[in-house]
Amino acid sequence: MLRALAVDDEEPALAELLYLLRADPRVRSAEGATDANEALRRIGRALEDGPGGDGAIDVLFLDIQMAGLTGLDVARLLAGFARPPLVVFVTAHEDFAVKAFDLKAVDYVLKPVRRERLAEAVGRVTERVASSAPPATVADRIPVELGGITRLVAIADITYAEAQGDYARLHTDDGVSHLVRIPLSTLEERWQELGFVRVHRSHLVALHRIDELRLDGGGMTVRVGTAEIAVSRRHASRVRELLMRRP
């Protein structure tokens, strides 16, 4: 089920594209943006949240000729990200196809967009996403380096993880922490099926380890053992919903 962002500065064309995408059963959600800057802001937030976040984006359906930054400019900028969304160009111009595929576009759809042609593009994106998905199961231990020795720490013993640049610090229930060279967004993707939930851009928490949720002055915190961790507004409603559903 794809999460799509369509970008076109012509609102009638954008509305038609969104209608067709939302009618496809393989598309979970389709949102729109009317310029490249708005699209880049949304993509930035999605990458901060990680693939399990509420605003995650799997694919961009991107017009090429727009005011300001063009679709090709956006694709070039995305090439600098570690895990950018896939790109399908949707344009009335045939002569940019070579440049588009040089930028690793999944497909190149010409306007006016036909339902059958767009469905073909969605199929190609679906196949690409499925082929790059992580395995259905994850290991129950994670290797950590300590004084030249590699230890295997049980994920069940980890209470929360804290972002430290491109690294993550893993906190365990015995009070020991370990630094691993894995971004927090990668851990979120790997461990979501094990009950870990993003509560803040800097923290990933084992849901079953949360002992207390506190509302204070419009803010929210959770207590995990002796640690009190702030919950960002972006994640607050999901954290509360998951805690209410927890057995």
Protein backbone atom coordinates (compact mmCIF):
# COMPACT_ATOMS: atom_id res chain seq x y z
CA MET A 1 0.00 0.00 0.00
CA LEU A 2 1.76 3.11 -1.28
CA ARG A 3 1.87 6.52 0.35
CA ALA A 4 2.10 9.07 -2.46
CA LEU A 5 2.75 12.78 -2.81
CA ALA A 6 1.71 14.38 -6.12
CA VAL A 7 3.34 17.69 -7.07
CA ASP A 8 1.99 19.99 -9.81
CA ASP A 9 1.62 23.77 -9.88
CA GLU A 10 -1.51 23.52 -12.07
CA GLU A 11 -4.34 22.79 -9.66
CA PRO A 12 -6.75 21.12 -12.17
CA ALA A 13 -4.00 18.71 -13.27
CA LEU A 14 -3.11 18.03 -9.63
CA ALA A 15 -6.74 17.36 -8.70
CA GLU A 16 -7.14 14.89 -11.60
CA LEU A 17 -3.93 13.07 -10.71
CA LEU A 18 -4.97 12.78 -7.05
CA TYR A 19 -8.39 11.45 -8.08
CA LEU A 20 -6.80 8.71 -10.17
CA LEU A 21 -4.27 7.79 -7.49
CA ARG A 22 -6.88 7.58 -4.73
CA ALA A 23 -8.99 5.29 -6.92
CA ASP A 24 -6.15 2.77 -7.15
CA PRO A 25 -6.45 0.10 -4.40
CA ARG A 26 -2.65 -0.16 -4.18
CA VAL A 27 -2.42 3.46 -2.96
CA ARG A 28 -3.01 3.88 0.77
CA SER A 29 -2.88 7.67 0.70
CA ALA A 30 -2.29 10.41 -1.89
CA GLU A 31 -1.66 14.02 -0.91
CA GLY A 32 -0.91 17.02 -3.10
CA ALA A 33 1.54 19.92 -3.21
CA THR A 34 1.38 22.87 -5.60
CA ASP A 35 5.07 23.75 -5.69
CA ALA A 36 8.48 22.18 -5.21
CA ASN A 37 9.29 24.01 -1.98
CA GLU A 38 6.15 22.71 -0.29
CA ALA A 39 6.97 19.21 -1.52
CA LEU A 40 10.53 19.38 -0.15
CA ARG A 41 9.25 20.53 3.25
CA ARG A 42 6.88 17.56 3.40
CA ILE A 43 9.60 15.16 2.30
CA GLY A 44 11.95 16.55 4.96
CA ARG A 45 9.35 15.97 7.68
CA ALA A 46 8.68 12.47 6.34
CA LEU A 47 12.37 11.56 6.44
CA GLU A 48 12.67 12.89 9.99
CA ASP A 49 9.72 10.75 11.08
CA GLY A 50 11.09 7.65 9.38
CA PRO A 51 9.28 5.06 7.28
CA GLY A 52 6.84 4.21 10.06
CA GLY A 53 5.77 7.82 10.65
CA ASP A 54 2.33 9.20 9.93
CA GLY A 55 3.58 11.40 7.09
CA ALA A 56 5.86 8.86 5.39
CA ILE A 57 6.14 9.08 1.57
CA ASP A 58 6.96 6.13 -0.67
CA VAL A 59 6.70 7.84 -4.05
CA LEU A 60 6.51 11.27 -5.68
CA PHE A 61 4.41 11.83 -8.79
CA LEU A 62 6.25 14.89 -9.97
CA ASP A 63 5.57 17.44 -12.69
CA ILE A 64 8.69 18.77 -14.42
CA GLN A 65 7.99 22.33 -15.55
CA MET A 66 6.90 24.33 -12.51
CA ALA A 67 7.48 27.87 -11.30
CA GLY A 68 10.67 28.11 -9.25
CA LEU A 69 12.35 24.74 -8.82
CA THR A 70 11.55 22.24 -11.54
CA GLY A 71 10.76 18.58 -11.00
CA LEU A 72 14.25 17.71 -12.22
CA ASP A 73 15.71 20.05 -9.58
CA VAL A 74 13.71 18.26 -6.89
CA ALA A 75 14.92 14.85 -8.10
CA ARG A 76 18.55 16.05 -8.01
CA LEU A 77 18.12 17.27 -4.44
CA LEU A 78 16.55 13.98 -3.38
CA ALA A 79 19.55 12.08 -4.72
CA GLY A 80 21.52 13.43 -1.74
CA PHE A 81 19.24 11.75 0.83
CA ALA A 82 19.95 8.29 2.23
CA ARG A 83 16.42 6.91 1.71
CA PRO A 84 14.54 9.25 -0.63
CA PRO A 85 11.07 8.43 -1.98
CA LEU A 86 10.83 6.95 -5.46
CA VAL A 87 10.02 9.34 -8.32
CA VAL A 88 7.57 9.08 -11.19
CA PHE A 89 7.58 12.09 -13.53
CA VAL A 90 4.19 13.22 -14.86
CA THR A 91 4.62 15.80 -17.61
CA ALA A 92 3.28 17.10 -20.91
CA HIS A 93 6.80 17.20 -22.41
CA GLU A 94 8.53 14.22 -24.00
CA ASP A 95 11.96 15.77 -24.31
CA PHE A 96 13.01 15.40 -20.65
CA ALA A 97 12.77 11.61 -20.55
CA VAL A 98 16.52 10.93 -20.86
CA LYS A 99 17.34 13.32 -18.00
CA ALA A 100 14.53 11.84 -15.92
CA PHE A 101 15.81 8.28 -16.19
CA ASP A 102 19.37 9.48 -15.56
CA LEU A 103 17.97 10.66 -12.21
CA LYS A 104 16.71 7.11 -11.47
CA ALA A 105 13.03 7.82 -12.15
CA VAL A 106 10.84 4.72 -11.92
CA ASP A 107 8.58 5.87 -14.76
CA TYR A 108 7.77 8.77 -17.06
CA VAL A 109 4.05 9.39 -17.64
CA LEU A 110 2.84 11.83 -20.28
CA LYS A 111 -0.14 14.15 -19.86
CA PRO A 112 -3.04 13.94 -20.31
CA VAL A 113 -2.77 11.08 -17.85
CA ARG A 114 -4.69 7.94 -18.77
CA ARG A 115 -5.94 5.72 -15.97
CA GLU A 116 -4.37 2.60 -17.52
CA ARG A 117 -0.98 4.26 -17.95
CA LEU A 118 -0.95 5.58 -14.40
CA ALA A 119 -1.92 2.13 -13.10
CA GLU A 120 1.11 0.72 -14.92
CA ALA A 121 3.36 3.27 -13.18
CA VAL A 122 1.83 2.45 -9.80
CA GLY A 123 2.54 -1.23 -10.48
CA ARG A 124 6.20 -0.51 -11.17
CA VAL A 125 6.51 1.52 -7.97
CA THR A 126 4.79 -1.22 -5.97
CA GLU A 127 7.24 -3.81 -7.28
CA ARG A 128 10.21 -1.58 -6.47
CA VAL A 129 8.99 -0.91 -2.92
CA ALA A 130 8.30 -4.61 -2.32
CA SER A 131 11.77 -5.60 -3.55
CA SER A 132 13.47 -3.17 -1.15
CA ALA A 133 11.32 -3.95 1.91
CA PRO A 134 13.08 -5.34 5.00
CA PRO A 135 12.60 -9.01 5.86
CA ALA A 136 9.39 -9.91 7.65
CA THR A 137 11.32 -11.06 10.73
CA VAL A 138 14.18 -9.44 12.60
CA ALA A 139 16.98 -10.83 14.74
CA ASP A 140 16.33 -10.86 18.48
CA ARG A 141 19.82 -9.52 19.27
CA ILE A 142 21.92 -6.61 18.08
CA PRO A 143 25.75 -6.56 17.98
CA VAL A 144 27.48 -3.76 19.91
CA GLU A 145 31.20 -2.95 20.21
CA LEU A 146 32.68 -2.51 23.66
CA GLY A 147 36.44 -2.21 24.20
CA GLY A 148 37.27 -4.16 21.05
CA ILE A 149 34.81 -6.92 21.93
CA THR A 150 31.56 -7.51 20.08
CA ARG A 151 28.64 -8.32 22.35
CA LEU A 152 25.17 -9.43 21.34
CA VAL A 153 22.57 -7.47 23.28
CA ALA A 154 19.02 -8.84 23.46
CA ILE A 155 16.56 -6.38 21.93
CA ALA A 156 14.08 -7.44 24.63
CA ASP A 157 16.44 -5.83 27.18
CA ILE A 158 16.43 -2.44 25.40
CA THR A 159 14.05 0.11 26.91
CA TYR A 160 14.65 3.02 24.53
CA ALA A 161 17.05 4.31 21.90
CA GLU A 162 18.35 7.87 21.62
CA ALA A 163 19.58 9.55 18.43
CA GLN A 164 23.16 10.86 18.47
CA GLY A 165 23.85 12.05 14.93
CA ASP A 166 24.33 9.05 12.63
CA TYR A 167 24.56 6.85 15.73
CA ALA A 168 22.00 5.63 18.26
CA ARG A 169 22.54 5.04 21.98
CA LEU A 170 20.69 1.98 23.24
CA HIS A 171 19.56 2.05 26.87
CA THR A 172 18.94 -1.27 28.60
CA ASP A 173 16.97 -2.20 31.71
CA ASP A 174 20.17 -2.84 33.68
CA GLY A 175 21.19 0.83 33.32
CA VAL A 176 23.94 0.18 30.75
CA SER A 177 23.95 1.99 27.39
CA HIS A 178 25.61 1.08 24.10
CA LEU A 179 26.45 3.27 21.11
CA VAL A 180 25.80 1.71 17.69
CA ARG A 181 26.46 3.15 14.25
CA ILE A 182 22.86 2.86 13.08
CA PRO A 183 20.54 5.87 12.52
CA LEU A 184 17.43 5.97 14.69
CA SER A 185 15.20 5.90 11.58
CA THR A 186 16.73 2.54 10.59
CA LEU A 187 16.12 1.09 14.03
CA GLU A 188 12.53 2.35 13.88
CA GLU A 189 11.99 0.53 10.58
CA ARG A 190 13.55 -2.70 11.85
CA TRP A 191 11.96 -2.75 15.29
CA GLN A 192 8.43 -1.47 14.74
CA GLU A 193 7.13 -5.06 14.65
CA LEU A 194 8.78 -5.62 18.03
CA GLY A 195 6.71 -2.87 19.64
CA PHE A 196 9.09 0.09 19.42
CA VAL A 197 7.43 3.44 18.73
CA ARG A 198 8.88 6.83 17.78
CA VAL A 199 7.90 9.39 20.42
CA HIS A 200 10.24 12.19 19.31
CA ARG A 201 12.71 12.81 16.51
CA SER A 202 15.41 11.87 19.05
CA HIS A 203 13.79 8.92 20.84
CA LEU A 204 12.47 5.46 20.03
CA VAL A 205 10.79 3.69 22.95
CA ALA A 206 9.71 0.10 23.63
CA LEU A 207 5.97 0.53 24.09
CA HIS A 208 5.69 -2.21 26.73
CA ARG A 209 8.40 -0.46 28.78
CA ILE A 210 6.41 2.75 29.23
CA ASP A 211 5.39 2.95 32.91
CA GLU A 212 3.65 6.31 32.89
CA LEU A 213 2.28 8.94 30.52
CA ARG A 214 2.03 12.48 31.85
CA LEU A 215 0.30 15.59 30.47
CA ASP A 216 1.65 18.84 31.83
CA GLY A 217 1.07 22.34 30.50
CA GLY A 218 0.10 21.15 27.04
CA GLY A 219 3.16 18.89 26.77
CA MET A 220 3.43 15.14 27.09
CA THR A 221 6.13 12.94 28.61
CA VAL A 222 6.50 9.21 29.14
CA ARG A 223 8.44 7.53 31.91
CA VAL A 224 10.57 4.53 31.01
CA GLY A 225 12.18 3.21 34.17
CA THR A 226 13.87 6.26 35.70
CA ALA A 227 14.03 8.19 32.41
CA GLU A 228 11.45 10.84 31.52
CA ILE A 229 11.21 11.33 27.75
CA ALA A 230 9.38 14.16 25.98
CA VAL A 231 6.79 13.23 23.37
CA SER A 232 6.63 15.63 20.43
CA ARG A 233 3.26 17.03 19.32
CA ARG A 234 3.63 15.25 16.01
CA HIS A 235 3.76 11.86 17.73
CA ALA A 236 1.53 12.51 20.75
CA SER A 237 -1.79 11.25 19.38
CA ARG A 238 -0.29 8.03 18.02
CA VAL A 239 1.58 7.29 21.26
CA ARG A 240 -1.58 7.80 23.29
CA GLU A 241 -3.63 5.65 20.93
CA LEU A 242 -1.08 2.80 21.08
CA LEU A 243 -0.96 2.96 24.88
CA MET A 244 -4.75 2.83 25.11
CA ARG A 245 -4.83 -0.24 22.85
CA ARG A 246 -2.02 -1.99 24.72
CA PRO A 247 -3.21 -5.07 26.64
